[in-house]
Amino acid sequence: MERGSPEAIYQLLRDWNIPFRSIEHPEAATMEDCQAVGRRLGAPFCKNLFLANRRQTEFFLLLIGEDKKFRTAEVSKKIGRSRLSFGNEDKLWQALGARPGSISPMGLVFDQDREIQLIVDQDVADLEEFCVHPCQNTQSLALRWQDFEQIFLKRTGHIPQFIEITGEIPE
């Protein structure tokens, strides 16, 4: 499968019988852009953050609600890792087939060795549907959370860790 190819992601979803809706649009470079796309697709967008430990030896994909604040200290504490930062661009491409601005859980299909640990904000897991990019930020898709968790993640072998993100700095 070609990395960074929305068509490959769409075909995979069809092959796995995962219903979705998709649209093409101008580059969605900000969360405001993504929220506008989400309104068109009829589902909230999900922020996707590629994180790493300080030594860049452990990598995480964080799915967080579009309106939540990301606080490194909060997430670090809740997953038991110190000093999380953003993962490097080369590892992002190698592991998830995406570039910054196009990070997507759909890229987990490229993580054959399951090096990426999926962390999900409980509010995202409670959504009926959510929107993400298909590893390119000029297209977006909406799918049901249940299909993502029960079919997509099971097929890729990724087991999510669920946390509650408040956006507050922990004591």
C-alpha atoms as a PDB file:
ATOM      1  CA  MET A   1       0.000   0.000   0.000  1.00  0.00           C
ATOM      2  CA  GLU A   2       1.324   3.408  -0.943  1.00  0.00           C
ATOM      3  CA  ARG A   3       2.126   5.660   2.027  1.00  0.00           C
ATOM      4  CA  GLY A   4       0.336   8.993   2.040  1.00  0.00           C
ATOM      5  CA  SER A   5      -2.260   7.792  -0.486  1.00  0.00           C
ATOM      6  CA  PRO A   6      -5.869   8.595   0.403  1.00  0.00           C
ATOM      7  CA  GLU A   7      -7.042   6.253  -2.361  1.00  0.00           C
ATOM      8  CA  ALA A   8      -5.162   3.364  -0.727  1.00  0.00           C
ATOM      9  CA  ILE A   9      -6.802   4.147   2.622  1.00  0.00           C
ATOM     10  CA  TYR A  10     -10.257   4.330   1.019  1.00  0.00           C
ATOM     11  CA  GLN A  11      -9.707   1.015  -0.758  1.00  0.00           C
ATOM     12  CA  LEU A  12      -8.572  -0.605   2.474  1.00  0.00           C
ATOM     13  CA  LEU A  13     -11.715   0.618   4.248  1.00  0.00           C
ATOM     14  CA  ARG A  14     -13.853  -0.776   1.421  1.00  0.00           C
ATOM     15  CA  ASP A  15     -11.953  -4.099   1.535  1.00  0.00           C
ATOM     16  CA  TRP A  16     -12.565  -4.324   5.274  1.00  0.00           C
ATOM     17  CA  ASN A  17     -16.252  -3.385   4.863  1.00  0.00           C
ATOM     18  CA  ILE A  18     -15.929  -0.222   6.927  1.00  0.00           C
ATOM     19  CA  PRO A  19     -18.476   2.375   5.791  1.00  0.00           C
ATOM     20  CA  PHE A  20     -17.183   5.946   5.478  1.00  0.00           C
ATOM     21  CA  ARG A  21     -17.902   9.279   3.858  1.00  0.00           C
ATOM     22  CA  SER A  22     -15.112  11.329   2.311  1.00  0.00           C
ATOM     23  CA  ILE A  23     -14.549  14.693   0.664  1.00  0.00           C
ATOM     24  CA  GLU A  24     -11.718  16.537  -1.028  1.00  0.00           C
ATOM     25  CA  HIS A  25     -11.042  20.097   0.103  1.00  0.00           C
ATOM     26  CA  PRO A  26      -8.333  22.771   0.174  1.00  0.00           C
ATOM     27  CA  GLU A  27      -5.494  22.029   2.575  1.00  0.00           C
ATOM     28  CA  ALA A  28      -6.818  21.928   6.135  1.00  0.00           C
ATOM     29  CA  ALA A  29      -3.883  23.475   7.969  1.00  0.00           C
ATOM     30  CA  THR A  30      -5.603  24.502  11.229  1.00  0.00           C
ATOM     31  CA  MET A  31      -8.142  23.003  13.607  1.00  0.00           C
ATOM     32  CA  GLU A  32     -10.580  25.705  12.437  1.00  0.00           C
ATOM     33  CA  ASP A  33     -10.172  24.363   8.877  1.00  0.00           C
ATOM     34  CA  CYS A  34     -10.713  20.812  10.134  1.00  0.00           C
ATOM     35  CA  GLN A  35     -13.790  21.813  12.125  1.00  0.00           C
ATOM     36  CA  ALA A  36     -15.310  23.350   8.966  1.00  0.00           C
ATOM     37  CA  VAL A  37     -14.627  20.096   7.092  1.00  0.00           C
ATOM     38  CA  GLY A  38     -16.148  18.133   9.963  1.00  0.00           C
ATOM     39  CA  ARG A  39     -19.318  20.201   9.718  1.00  0.00           C
ATOM     40  CA  ARG A  40     -19.512  19.331   6.015  1.00  0.00           C
ATOM     41  CA  LEU A  41     -19.091  15.636   6.819  1.00  0.00           C
ATOM     42  CA  GLY A  42     -21.489  15.802   9.769  1.00  0.00           C
ATOM     43  CA  ALA A  43     -19.071  14.585  12.464  1.00  0.00           C
ATOM     44  CA  PRO A  44     -16.507  16.199  14.782  1.00  0.00           C
ATOM     45  CA  PHE A  45     -12.861  16.196  13.765  1.00  0.00           C
ATOM     46  CA  CYS A  46     -10.252  14.537  15.937  1.00  0.00           C
ATOM     47  CA  LYS A  47      -6.849  16.076  16.745  1.00  0.00           C
ATOM     48  CA  ASN A  48      -4.061  13.594  16.070  1.00  0.00           C
ATOM     49  CA  LEU A  49      -0.718  14.189  17.751  1.00  0.00           C
ATOM     50  CA  PHE A  50       2.446  12.189  17.115  1.00  0.00           C
ATOM     51  CA  LEU A  51       4.430  12.093  20.346  1.00  0.00           C
ATOM     52  CA  ALA A  52       7.651  10.533  21.569  1.00  0.00           C
ATOM     53  CA  ASN A  53       9.644  10.133  24.727  1.00  0.00           C
ATOM     54  CA  ARG A  54      12.680  12.354  25.181  1.00  0.00           C
ATOM     55  CA  ARG A  55      15.070   9.905  23.519  1.00  0.00           C
ATOM     56  CA  GLN A  56      12.693   9.310  20.567  1.00  0.00           C
ATOM     57  CA  THR A  57      12.638   5.568  21.312  1.00  0.00           C
ATOM     58  CA  GLU A  58       8.942   5.238  22.205  1.00  0.00           C
ATOM     59  CA  PHE A  59       6.218   6.672  19.994  1.00  0.00           C
ATOM     60  CA  PHE A  60       2.574   7.475  20.601  1.00  0.00           C
ATOM     61  CA  LEU A  61      -0.383   8.573  18.525  1.00  0.00           C
ATOM     62  CA  LEU A  62      -2.775  10.626  20.633  1.00  0.00           C
ATOM     63  CA  LEU A  63      -6.394  11.113  19.519  1.00  0.00           C
ATOM     64  CA  ILE A  64      -7.970  14.020  21.345  1.00  0.00           C
ATOM     65  CA  GLY A  65     -11.203  15.950  20.915  1.00  0.00           C
ATOM     66  CA  GLU A  66     -11.104  18.900  18.534  1.00  0.00           C
ATOM     67  CA  ASP A  67     -11.919  21.368  21.321  1.00  0.00           C
ATOM     68  CA  LYS A  68      -9.539  20.013  23.985  1.00  0.00           C
ATOM     69  CA  LYS A  69      -6.281  21.582  25.073  1.00  0.00           C
ATOM     70  CA  PHE A  70      -3.253  19.339  24.865  1.00  0.00           C
ATOM     71  CA  ARG A  71      -1.010  19.612  27.902  1.00  0.00           C
ATOM     72  CA  THR A  72       2.120  17.527  27.700  1.00  0.00           C
ATOM     73  CA  ALA A  73       2.364  17.201  31.481  1.00  0.00           C
ATOM     74  CA  GLU A  74      -1.172  15.840  31.784  1.00  0.00           C
ATOM     75  CA  VAL A  75      -0.753  13.193  29.083  1.00  0.00           C
ATOM     76  CA  SER A  76       2.736  12.255  30.313  1.00  0.00           C
ATOM     77  CA  LYS A  77       1.426  11.674  33.818  1.00  0.00           C
ATOM     78  CA  LYS A  78      -1.624   9.689  32.670  1.00  0.00           C
ATOM     79  CA  ILE A  79       0.390   7.283  30.525  1.00  0.00           C
ATOM     80  CA  GLY A  80       3.293   7.035  32.958  1.00  0.00           C
ATOM     81  CA  ARG A  81       5.957   8.566  30.728  1.00  0.00           C
ATOM     82  CA  SER A  82       8.056  11.598  31.459  1.00  0.00           C
ATOM     83  CA  ARG A  83       8.977  14.363  29.069  1.00  0.00           C
ATOM     84  CA  LEU A  84       6.813  13.655  26.057  1.00  0.00           C
ATOM     85  CA  SER A  85       7.446  15.823  23.034  1.00  0.00           C
ATOM     86  CA  PHE A  86       6.479  15.726  19.388  1.00  0.00           C
ATOM     87  CA  GLY A  87       7.921  12.813  17.416  1.00  0.00           C
ATOM     88  CA  ASN A  88      10.305  13.492  14.563  1.00  0.00           C
ATOM     89  CA  GLU A  89       9.116  13.875  10.985  1.00  0.00           C
ATOM     90  CA  ASP A  90      11.144  10.963   9.589  1.00  0.00           C
ATOM     91  CA  LYS A  91       9.686   8.525  12.113  1.00  0.00           C
ATOM     92  CA  LEU A  92       6.194   9.900  11.438  1.00  0.00           C
ATOM     93  CA  TRP A  93       6.557   9.124   7.719  1.00  0.00           C
ATOM     94  CA  GLN A  94       8.177   5.728   8.304  1.00  0.00           C
ATOM     95  CA  ALA A  95       5.626   4.584  10.887  1.00  0.00           C
ATOM     96  CA  LEU A  96       2.363   6.234   9.805  1.00  0.00           C
ATOM     97  CA  GLY A  97       2.888   7.288   6.185  1.00  0.00           C
ATOM     98  CA  ALA A  98       2.007  10.899   6.966  1.00  0.00           C
ATOM     99  CA  ARG A  99       3.636  14.293   7.127  1.00  0.00           C
ATOM    100  CA  PRO A 100       3.024  16.956   9.812  1.00  0.00           C
ATOM    101  CA  GLY A 101      -0.460  18.394   9.339  1.00  0.00           C
ATOM    102  CA  SER A 102      -1.730  15.092   7.917  1.00  0.00           C
ATOM    103  CA  ILE A 103      -1.269  12.814  10.953  1.00  0.00           C
ATOM    104  CA  SER A 104      -4.027  10.230  11.087  1.00  0.00           C
ATOM    105  CA  PRO A 105      -4.949   7.019  12.890  1.00  0.00           C
ATOM    106  CA  MET A 106      -5.534   5.604   9.389  1.00  0.00           C
ATOM    107  CA  GLY A 107      -1.738   5.517   9.141  1.00  0.00           C
ATOM    108  CA  LEU A 108      -1.636   2.763  11.763  1.00  0.00           C
ATOM    109  CA  VAL A 109      -2.100   0.371   8.844  1.00  0.00           C
ATOM    110  CA  PHE A 110       1.545   1.118   7.918  1.00  0.00           C
ATOM    111  CA  ASP A 111       2.802   0.364  11.444  1.00  0.00           C
ATOM    112  CA  GLN A 112       3.332  -3.341  10.773  1.00  0.00           C
ATOM    113  CA  ASP A 113       5.668  -3.734  13.766  1.00  0.00           C
ATOM    114  CA  ARG A 114       3.200  -1.964  16.071  1.00  0.00           C
ATOM    115  CA  GLU A 115       5.826   0.519  17.253  1.00  0.00           C
ATOM    116  CA  ILE A 116       3.177   3.208  17.747  1.00  0.00           C
ATOM    117  CA  GLN A 117       1.134   3.109  20.936  1.00  0.00           C
ATOM    118  CA  LEU A 118      -2.375   4.471  20.418  1.00  0.00           C
ATOM    119  CA  ILE A 119      -3.650   6.744  23.192  1.00  0.00           C
ATOM    120  CA  VAL A 120      -7.295   7.849  22.970  1.00  0.00           C
ATOM    121  CA  ASP A 121      -9.093  10.534  24.918  1.00  0.00           C
ATOM    122  CA  GLN A 122     -12.251   8.951  26.321  1.00  0.00           C
ATOM    123  CA  ASP A 123     -14.366  11.744  24.814  1.00  0.00           C
ATOM    124  CA  VAL A 124     -13.230  10.651  21.336  1.00  0.00           C
ATOM    125  CA  ALA A 125     -14.052   7.014  22.108  1.00  0.00           C
ATOM    126  CA  ASP A 126     -17.536   8.118  23.182  1.00  0.00           C
ATOM    127  CA  LEU A 127     -18.264   9.686  19.780  1.00  0.00           C
ATOM    128  CA  GLU A 128     -20.582   7.870  17.418  1.00  0.00           C
ATOM    129  CA  GLU A 129     -18.623   9.170  14.419  1.00  0.00           C
ATOM    130  CA  PHE A 130     -15.443  11.170  13.969  1.00  0.00           C
ATOM    131  CA  CYS A 131     -13.426  12.710  11.141  1.00  0.00           C
ATOM    132  CA  VAL A 132      -9.760  12.315  10.262  1.00  0.00           C
ATOM    133  CA  HIS A 133      -7.534  12.801   7.242  1.00  0.00           C
ATOM    134  CA  PRO A 134      -6.623   9.740   5.146  1.00  0.00           C
ATOM    135  CA  CYS A 135      -2.906  10.597   5.693  1.00  0.00           C
ATOM    136  CA  GLN A 136      -3.234  13.699   3.508  1.00  0.00           C
ATOM    137  CA  ASN A 137      -4.776  16.985   4.670  1.00  0.00           C
ATOM    138  CA  THR A 138      -6.521  17.806   1.378  1.00  0.00           C
ATOM    139  CA  GLN A 139      -9.041  15.030   2.003  1.00  0.00           C
ATOM    140  CA  SER A 140     -11.028  13.932   5.026  1.00  0.00           C
ATOM    141  CA  LEU A 141     -13.230  11.029   5.964  1.00  0.00           C
ATOM    142  CA  ALA A 142     -15.867  10.303   8.576  1.00  0.00           C
ATOM    143  CA  LEU A 143     -16.424   6.870  10.066  1.00  0.00           C
ATOM    144  CA  ARG A 144     -18.074   5.316  13.064  1.00  0.00           C
ATOM    145  CA  TRP A 145     -15.914   4.940  16.173  1.00  0.00           C
ATOM    146  CA  GLN A 146     -17.227   1.413  16.670  1.00  0.00           C
ATOM    147  CA  ASP A 147     -16.054   0.376  13.179  1.00  0.00           C
ATOM    148  CA  PHE A 148     -12.676   1.999  13.772  1.00  0.00           C
ATOM    149  CA  GLU A 149     -12.188   0.212  17.083  1.00  0.00           C
ATOM    150  CA  GLN A 150     -13.795  -3.147  16.321  1.00  0.00           C
ATOM    151  CA  ILE A 151     -12.606  -3.637  12.735  1.00  0.00           C
ATOM    152  CA  PHE A 152      -9.769  -1.260  11.815  1.00  0.00           C
ATOM    153  CA  LEU A 153      -7.754  -1.507  15.029  1.00  0.00           C
ATOM    154  CA  LYS A 154      -8.279  -5.249  15.337  1.00  0.00           C
ATOM    155  CA  ARG A 155      -7.039  -5.733  11.752  1.00  0.00           C
ATOM    156  CA  THR A 156      -3.959  -3.561  12.370  1.00  0.00           C
ATOM    157  CA  GLY A 157      -3.261  -5.153  15.772  1.00  0.00           C
ATOM    158  CA  HIS A 158      -3.287  -1.876  17.716  1.00  0.00           C
ATOM    159  CA  ILE A 159      -4.818  -1.879  21.186  1.00  0.00           C
ATOM    160  CA  PRO A 160      -5.783   1.609  22.353  1.00  0.00           C
ATOM    161  CA  GLN A 161      -5.104   2.949  25.823  1.00  0.00           C
ATOM    162  CA  PHE A 162      -7.973   5.179  26.930  1.00  0.00           C
ATOM    163  CA  ILE A 163      -7.366   8.210  29.149  1.00  0.00           C
ATOM    164  CA  GLU A 164      -9.469  11.133  30.254  1.00  0.00           C
ATOM    165  CA  ILE A 165      -7.990  14.407  29.115  1.00  0.00           C
ATOM    166  CA  THR A 166      -9.119  17.500  30.984  1.00  0.00           C
ATOM    167  CA  GLY A 167      -6.683  20.025  29.541  1.00  0.00           C
ATOM    168  CA  GLU A 168      -5.586  20.944  33.048  1.00  0.00           C
ATOM    169  CA  ILE A 169      -2.056  20.891  34.367  1.00  0.00           C
ATOM    170  CA  PRO A 170      -1.702  18.044  36.915  1.00  0.00           C
ATOM    171  CA  GLU A 171      -0.430  18.720  40.407  1.00  0.00           C
END
